[in-house]
Amino acid sequence: MKEISFQLKEDFIPLIQLLKYTGVADSGAHASKMVQSGDVLSNGHLETRKRYKVVKGDTIQIDQIIIKIS
């Protein structure tokens, strides 16, 4: 399993932007499709909201990739 650490500089980041910025998704459209397909977990729960506000302390999982937000 691959782990990515992402340091948040604002209060939050929309989920699709996070997936794009970390390189998990090739583009915003790709990130959107990942979320719509039910491939994304936020803190262990299925996340289907593309504009979900990811905050410090959250953990996002896509397949074998974990993104930890600090």
PDB file of N, CA and C in Angstrom:
ATOM      1  N   MET A   1       0.845  -1.179   0.000  1.00  0.00           N
ATOM      2  CA  MET A   1       0.000   0.000   0.000  1.00  0.00           C
ATOM      3  C   MET A   1       0.888   1.239   0.000  1.00  0.00           C
ATOM      4  N   LYS A   2       0.578   2.180  -0.882  1.00  0.00           N
ATOM      5  CA  LYS A   2       1.346   3.422  -0.991  1.00  0.00           C
ATOM      6  C   LYS A   2       0.702   4.491  -0.112  1.00  0.00           C
ATOM      7  N   GLU A   3       1.533   5.238   0.614  1.00  0.00           N
ATOM      8  CA  GLU A   3       1.027   6.293   1.479  1.00  0.00           C
ATOM      9  C   GLU A   3       1.571   7.647   1.028  1.00  0.00           C
ATOM     10  N   ILE A   4       0.679   8.621   0.920  1.00  0.00           N
ATOM     11  CA  ILE A   4       1.039   9.980   0.514  1.00  0.00           C
ATOM     12  C   ILE A   4       0.675  10.912   1.664  1.00  0.00           C
ATOM     13  N   SER A   5       1.595  11.793   2.024  1.00  0.00           N
ATOM     14  CA  SER A   5       1.308  12.822   3.030  1.00  0.00           C
ATOM     15  C   SER A   5       1.047  14.130   2.302  1.00  0.00           C
ATOM     16  N   PHE A   6      -0.029  14.804   2.657  1.00  0.00           N
ATOM     17  CA  PHE A   6      -0.390  16.076   2.031  1.00  0.00           C
ATOM     18  C   PHE A   6      -0.564  17.108   3.116  1.00  0.00           C
ATOM     19  N   GLN A   7       0.221  18.194   3.035  1.00  0.00           N
ATOM     20  CA  GLN A   7       0.121  19.253   4.029  1.00  0.00           C
ATOM     21  C   GLN A   7      -0.860  20.310   3.537  1.00  0.00           C
ATOM     22  N   LEU A   8      -1.923  20.487   4.274  1.00  0.00           N
ATOM     23  CA  LEU A   8      -2.978  21.429   3.930  1.00  0.00           C
ATOM     24  C   LEU A   8      -2.587  22.821   4.404  1.00  0.00           C
ATOM     25  N   LYS A   9      -2.655  23.800   3.493  1.00  0.00           N
ATOM     26  CA  LYS A   9      -2.272  25.166   3.839  1.00  0.00           C
ATOM     27  C   LYS A   9      -3.477  26.063   4.069  1.00  0.00           C
ATOM     28  N   GLU A  10      -4.654  25.600   3.672  1.00  0.00           N
ATOM     29  CA  GLU A  10      -5.905  26.331   3.873  1.00  0.00           C
ATOM     30  C   GLU A  10      -6.741  25.573   4.906  1.00  0.00           C
ATOM     31  N   ASP A  11      -7.981  25.992   5.106  1.00  0.00           N
ATOM     32  CA  ASP A  11      -8.870  25.301   6.035  1.00  0.00           C
ATOM     33  C   ASP A  11      -9.312  23.949   5.494  1.00  0.00           C
ATOM     34  N   PHE A  12      -9.454  23.859   4.150  1.00  0.00           N
ATOM     35  CA  PHE A  12      -9.898  22.622   3.506  1.00  0.00           C
ATOM     36  C   PHE A  12      -9.465  22.629   2.047  1.00  0.00           C
ATOM     37  N   ILE A  13      -9.614  21.470   1.392  1.00  0.00           N
ATOM     38  CA  ILE A  13      -9.400  21.343  -0.038  1.00  0.00           C
ATOM     39  C   ILE A  13     -10.507  20.428  -0.573  1.00  0.00           C
ATOM     40  N   PRO A  14     -11.147  20.817  -1.692  1.00  0.00           N
ATOM     41  CA  PRO A  14     -12.156  19.925  -2.270  1.00  0.00           C
ATOM     42  C   PRO A  14     -11.523  18.589  -2.681  1.00  0.00           C
ATOM     43  N   LEU A  15     -12.263  17.523  -2.498  1.00  0.00           N
ATOM     44  CA  LEU A  15     -11.756  16.178  -2.739  1.00  0.00           C
ATOM     45  C   LEU A  15     -11.173  16.000  -4.137  1.00  0.00           C
ATOM     46  N   ILE A  16     -11.872  16.466  -5.172  1.00  0.00           N
ATOM     47  CA  ILE A  16     -11.355  16.255  -6.529  1.00  0.00           C
ATOM     48  C   ILE A  16     -10.053  17.012  -6.758  1.00  0.00           C
ATOM     49  N   GLN A  17      -9.895  18.178  -6.126  1.00  0.00           N
ATOM     50  CA  GLN A  17      -8.627  18.903  -6.244  1.00  0.00           C
ATOM     51  C   GLN A  17      -7.500  18.147  -5.553  1.00  0.00           C
ATOM     52  N   LEU A  18      -7.785  17.574  -4.401  1.00  0.00           N
ATOM     53  CA  LEU A  18      -6.776  16.789  -3.683  1.00  0.00           C
ATOM     54  C   LEU A  18      -6.291  15.629  -4.533  1.00  0.00           C
ATOM     55  N   LEU A  19      -7.216  14.907  -5.151  1.00  0.00           N
ATOM     56  CA  LEU A  19      -6.843  13.767  -5.984  1.00  0.00           C
ATOM     57  C   LEU A  19      -5.981  14.201  -7.158  1.00  0.00           C
ATOM     58  N   LYS A  20      -6.282  15.370  -7.720  1.00  0.00           N
ATOM     59  CA  LYS A  20      -5.511  15.903  -8.842  1.00  0.00           C
ATOM     60  C   LYS A  20      -4.129  16.385  -8.371  1.00  0.00           C
ATOM     61  N   TYR A  21      -4.075  17.150  -7.295  1.00  0.00           N
ATOM     62  CA  TYR A  21      -2.807  17.706  -6.798  1.00  0.00           C
ATOM     63  C   TYR A  21      -1.820  16.638  -6.340  1.00  0.00           C
ATOM     64  N   THR A  22      -2.328  15.536  -5.792  1.00  0.00           N
ATOM     65  CA  THR A  22      -1.441  14.476  -5.314  1.00  0.00           C
ATOM     66  C   THR A  22      -1.008  13.527  -6.429  1.00  0.00           C
ATOM     67  N   GLY A  23      -1.585  13.702  -7.618  1.00  0.00           N
ATOM     68  CA  GLY A  23      -1.212  12.856  -8.749  1.00  0.00           C
ATOM     69  C   GLY A  23      -1.949  11.527  -8.794  1.00  0.00           C
ATOM     70  N   VAL A  24      -2.898  11.337  -7.896  1.00  0.00           N
ATOM     71  CA  VAL A  24      -3.692  10.109  -7.896  1.00  0.00           C
ATOM     72  C   VAL A  24      -4.591  10.095  -9.141  1.00  0.00           C
ATOM     73  N   ALA A  25      -5.093  11.264  -9.520  1.00  0.00           N
ATOM     74  CA  ALA A  25      -5.911  11.410 -10.731  1.00  0.00           C
ATOM     75  C   ALA A  25      -5.131  12.250 -11.735  1.00  0.00           C
ATOM     76  N   ASP A  26      -5.294  11.934 -13.023  1.00  0.00           N
ATOM     77  CA  ASP A  26      -4.597  12.660 -14.083  1.00  0.00           C
ATOM     78  C   ASP A  26      -5.173  14.055 -14.305  1.00  0.00           C
ATOM     79  N   SER A  27      -6.457  14.228 -13.991  1.00  0.00           N
ATOM     80  CA  SER A  27      -7.128  15.510 -14.225  1.00  0.00           C
ATOM     81  C   SER A  27      -8.321  15.623 -13.282  1.00  0.00           C
ATOM     82  N   GLY A  28      -8.941  16.785 -13.301  1.00  0.00           N
ATOM     83  CA  GLY A  28     -10.140  16.966 -12.495  1.00  0.00           C
ATOM     84  C   GLY A  28     -11.266  16.058 -12.954  1.00  0.00           C
ATOM     85  N   ALA A  29     -11.374  15.856 -14.261  1.00  0.00           N
ATOM     86  CA  ALA A  29     -12.410  14.964 -14.803  1.00  0.00           C
ATOM     87  C   ALA A  29     -12.170  13.523 -14.356  1.00  0.00           C
ATOM     88  N   HIS A  30     -10.910  13.109 -14.359  1.00  0.00           N
ATOM     89  CA  HIS A  30     -10.571  11.757 -13.907  1.00  0.00           C
ATOM     90  C   HIS A  30     -10.901  11.606 -12.417  1.00  0.00           C
ATOM     91  N   ALA A  31     -10.563  12.618 -11.624  1.00  0.00           N
ATOM     92  CA  ALA A  31     -10.856  12.590 -10.189  1.00  0.00           C
ATOM     93  C   ALA A  31     -12.360  12.502  -9.954  1.00  0.00           C
ATOM     94  N   SER A  32     -13.108  13.258 -10.728  1.00  0.00           N
ATOM     95  CA  SER A  32     -14.559  13.245 -10.609  1.00  0.00           C
ATOM     96  C   SER A  32     -15.128  11.857 -10.903  1.00  0.00           C
ATOM     97  N   LYS A  33     -14.615  11.203 -11.922  1.00  0.00           N
ATOM     98  CA  LYS A  33     -15.066   9.856 -12.269  1.00  0.00           C
ATOM     99  C   LYS A  33     -14.731   8.856 -11.171  1.00  0.00           C
ATOM    100  N   MET A  34     -13.565   9.025 -10.539  1.00  0.00           N
ATOM    101  CA  MET A  34     -13.167   8.133  -9.448  1.00  0.00           C
ATOM    102  C   MET A  34     -14.163   8.227  -8.291  1.00  0.00           C
ATOM    103  N   VAL A  35     -14.561   9.460  -7.975  1.00  0.00           N
ATOM    104  CA  VAL A  35     -15.500   9.681  -6.874  1.00  0.00           C
ATOM    105  C   VAL A  35     -16.875   9.123  -7.242  1.00  0.00           C
ATOM    106  N   GLN A  36     -17.340   9.424  -8.454  1.00  0.00           N
ATOM    107  CA  GLN A  36     -18.655   8.960  -8.898  1.00  0.00           C
ATOM    108  C   GLN A  36     -18.729   7.440  -8.964  1.00  0.00           C
ATOM    109  N   SER A  37     -17.610   6.790  -9.261  1.00  0.00           N
ATOM    110  CA  SER A  37     -17.574   5.329  -9.385  1.00  0.00           C
ATOM    111  C   SER A  37     -17.557   4.616  -8.044  1.00  0.00           C
ATOM    112  N   GLY A  38     -17.428   5.375  -6.954  1.00  0.00           N
ATOM    113  CA  GLY A  38     -17.406   4.760  -5.631  1.00  0.00           C
ATOM    114  C   GLY A  38     -16.053   4.175  -5.268  1.00  0.00           C
ATOM    115  N   ASP A  39     -14.985   4.734  -5.837  1.00  0.00           N
ATOM    116  CA  ASP A  39     -13.636   4.229  -5.585  1.00  0.00           C
ATOM    117  C   ASP A  39     -12.941   4.917  -4.414  1.00  0.00           C
ATOM    118  N   VAL A  40     -13.571   5.938  -3.821  1.00  0.00           N
ATOM    119  CA  VAL A  40     -12.903   6.768  -2.824  1.00  0.00           C
ATOM    120  C   VAL A  40     -13.535   6.593  -1.444  1.00  0.00           C
ATOM    121  N   LEU A  41     -12.670   6.377  -0.458  1.00  0.00           N
ATOM    122  CA  LEU A  41     -13.104   6.315   0.937  1.00  0.00           C
ATOM    123  C   LEU A  41     -12.535   7.511   1.678  1.00  0.00           C
ATOM    124  N   SER A  42     -13.345   8.129   2.515  1.00  0.00           N
ATOM    125  CA  SER A  42     -12.897   9.217   3.372  1.00  0.00           C
ATOM    126  C   SER A  42     -13.076   8.756   4.809  1.00  0.00           C
ATOM    127  N   ASN A  43     -11.986   8.655   5.531  1.00  0.00           N
ATOM    128  CA  ASN A  43     -12.012   8.195   6.924  1.00  0.00           C
ATOM    129  C   ASN A  43     -12.747   6.861   7.055  1.00  0.00           C
ATOM    130  N   GLY A  44     -12.537   5.987   6.060  1.00  0.00           N
ATOM    131  CA  GLY A  44     -13.102   4.653   6.102  1.00  0.00           C
ATOM    132  C   GLY A  44     -14.523   4.522   5.571  1.00  0.00           C
ATOM    133  N   HIS A  45     -15.114   5.626   5.111  1.00  0.00           N
ATOM    134  CA  HIS A  45     -16.487   5.617   4.621  1.00  0.00           C
ATOM    135  C   HIS A  45     -16.524   6.021   3.155  1.00  0.00           C
ATOM    136  N   LEU A  46     -17.408   5.402   2.390  1.00  0.00           N
ATOM    137  CA  LEU A  46     -17.563   5.728   0.980  1.00  0.00           C
ATOM    138  C   LEU A  46     -17.902   7.204   0.820  1.00  0.00           C
ATOM    139  N   GLU A  47     -17.167   7.879  -0.051  1.00  0.00           N
ATOM    140  CA  GLU A  47     -17.410   9.304  -0.290  1.00  0.00           C
ATOM    141  C   GLU A  47     -17.796   9.516  -1.742  1.00  0.00           C
ATOM    142  N   THR A  48     -18.996  10.035  -1.975  1.00  0.00           N
ATOM    143  CA  THR A  48     -19.483  10.248  -3.332  1.00  0.00           C
ATOM    144  C   THR A  48     -19.660  11.724  -3.663  1.00  0.00           C
ATOM    145  N   ARG A  49     -19.307  12.602  -2.734  1.00  0.00           N
ATOM    146  CA  ARG A  49     -19.420  14.048  -2.986  1.00  0.00           C
ATOM    147  C   ARG A  49     -18.102  14.573  -3.558  1.00  0.00           C
ATOM    148  N   LYS A  50     -18.142  15.065  -4.788  1.00  0.00           N
ATOM    149  CA  LYS A  50     -16.932  15.573  -5.441  1.00  0.00           C
ATOM    150  C   LYS A  50     -16.375  16.801  -4.725  1.00  0.00           C
ATOM    151  N   ARG A  51     -17.249  17.584  -4.156  1.00  0.00           N
ATOM    152  CA  ARG A  51     -16.832  18.822  -3.479  1.00  0.00           C
ATOM    153  C   ARG A  51     -16.655  18.624  -1.975  1.00  0.00           C
ATOM    154  N   TYR A  52     -16.562  17.368  -1.546  1.00  0.00           N
ATOM    155  CA  TYR A  52     -16.331  17.077  -0.124  1.00  0.00           C
ATOM    156  C   TYR A  52     -15.123  17.874   0.347  1.00  0.00           C
ATOM    157  N   LYS A  53     -15.261  18.541   1.476  1.00  0.00           N
ATOM    158  CA  LYS A  53     -14.186  19.369   2.008  1.00  0.00           C
ATOM    159  C   LYS A  53     -13.264  18.509   2.874  1.00  0.00           C
ATOM    160  N   VAL A  54     -12.084  18.250   2.364  1.00  0.00           N
ATOM    161  CA  VAL A  54     -11.082  17.468   3.079  1.00  0.00           C
ATOM    162  C   VAL A  54     -10.354  18.412   4.037  1.00  0.00           C
ATOM    163  N   VAL A  55     -10.266  18.028   5.300  1.00  0.00           N
ATOM    164  CA  VAL A  55      -9.634  18.864   6.321  1.00  0.00           C
ATOM    165  C   VAL A  55      -8.478  18.109   6.984  1.00  0.00           C
ATOM    166  N   LYS A  56      -7.708  18.839   7.791  1.00  0.00           N
ATOM    167  CA  LYS A  56      -6.594  18.220   8.516  1.00  0.00           C
ATOM    168  C   LYS A  56      -7.104  17.066   9.365  1.00  0.00           C
ATOM    169  N   GLY A  57      -6.348  15.969   9.363  1.00  0.00           N
ATOM    170  CA  GLY A  57      -6.711  14.794  10.133  1.00  0.00           C
ATOM    171  C   GLY A  57      -7.464  13.755   9.318  1.00  0.00           C
ATOM    172  N   ASP A  58      -7.966  14.148   8.134  1.00  0.00           N
ATOM    173  CA  ASP A  58      -8.682  13.192   7.285  1.00  0.00           C
ATOM    174  C   ASP A  58      -7.717  12.209   6.635  1.00  0.00           C
ATOM    175  N   THR A  59      -8.237  11.050   6.298  1.00  0.00           N
ATOM    176  CA  THR A  59      -7.503  10.035   5.546  1.00  0.00           C
ATOM    177  C   THR A  59      -8.370   9.646   4.360  1.00  0.00           C
ATOM    178  N   ILE A  60      -7.801   9.748   3.163  1.00  0.00           N
ATOM    179  CA  ILE A  60      -8.495   9.414   1.933  1.00  0.00           C
ATOM    180  C   ILE A  60      -7.843   8.162   1.361  1.00  0.00           C
ATOM    181  N   GLN A  61      -8.668   7.198   0.936  1.00  0.00           N
ATOM    182  CA  GLN A  61      -8.128   5.966   0.368  1.00  0.00           C
ATOM    183  C   GLN A  61      -8.749   5.699  -0.991  1.00  0.00           C
ATOM    184  N   ILE A  62      -7.885   5.387  -1.962  1.00  0.00           N
ATOM    185  CA  ILE A  62      -8.286   5.006  -3.302  1.00  0.00           C
ATOM    186  C   ILE A  62      -7.492   3.764  -3.650  1.00  0.00           C
ATOM    187  N   ASP A  63      -8.166   2.637  -3.820  1.00  0.00           N
ATOM    188  CA  ASP A  63      -7.505   1.361  -4.098  1.00  0.00           C
ATOM    189  C   ASP A  63      -6.414   1.117  -3.056  1.00  0.00           C
ATOM    190  N   GLN A  64      -5.166   1.034  -3.486  1.00  0.00           N
ATOM    191  CA  GLN A  64      -4.037   0.757  -2.584  1.00  0.00           C
ATOM    192  C   GLN A  64      -3.261   2.030  -2.221  1.00  0.00           C
ATOM    193  N   ILE A  65      -3.884   3.192  -2.357  1.00  0.00           N
ATOM    194  CA  ILE A  65      -3.240   4.470  -2.048  1.00  0.00           C
ATOM    195  C   ILE A  65      -3.971   5.130  -0.881  1.00  0.00           C
ATOM    196  N   ILE A  66      -3.193   5.554   0.106  1.00  0.00           N
ATOM    197  CA  ILE A  66      -3.743   6.273   1.255  1.00  0.00           C
ATOM    198  C   ILE A  66      -3.132   7.670   1.274  1.00  0.00           C
ATOM    199  N   ILE A  67      -3.997   8.685   1.379  1.00  0.00           N
ATOM    200  CA  ILE A  67      -3.528  10.069   1.483  1.00  0.00           C
ATOM    201  C   ILE A  67      -3.864  10.542   2.887  1.00  0.00           C
ATOM    202  N   LYS A  68      -2.844  10.923   3.641  1.00  0.00           N
ATOM    203  CA  LYS A  68      -3.032  11.434   4.996  1.00  0.00           C
ATOM    204  C   LYS A  68      -2.861  12.955   4.955  1.00  0.00           C
ATOM    205  N   ILE A  69      -3.838  13.652   5.535  1.00  0.00           N
ATOM    206  CA  ILE A  69      -3.868  15.109   5.503  1.00  0.00           C
ATOM    207  C   ILE A  69      -3.368  15.652   6.834  1.00  0.00           C
ATOM    208  N   SER A  70      -2.391  16.537   6.745  1.00  0.00           N
ATOM    209  CA  SER A  70      -1.873  17.173   7.965  1.00  0.00           C
ATOM    210  C   SER A  70      -1.846  18.676   7.790  1.00  0.00           C
TER     211      SER A  70
END
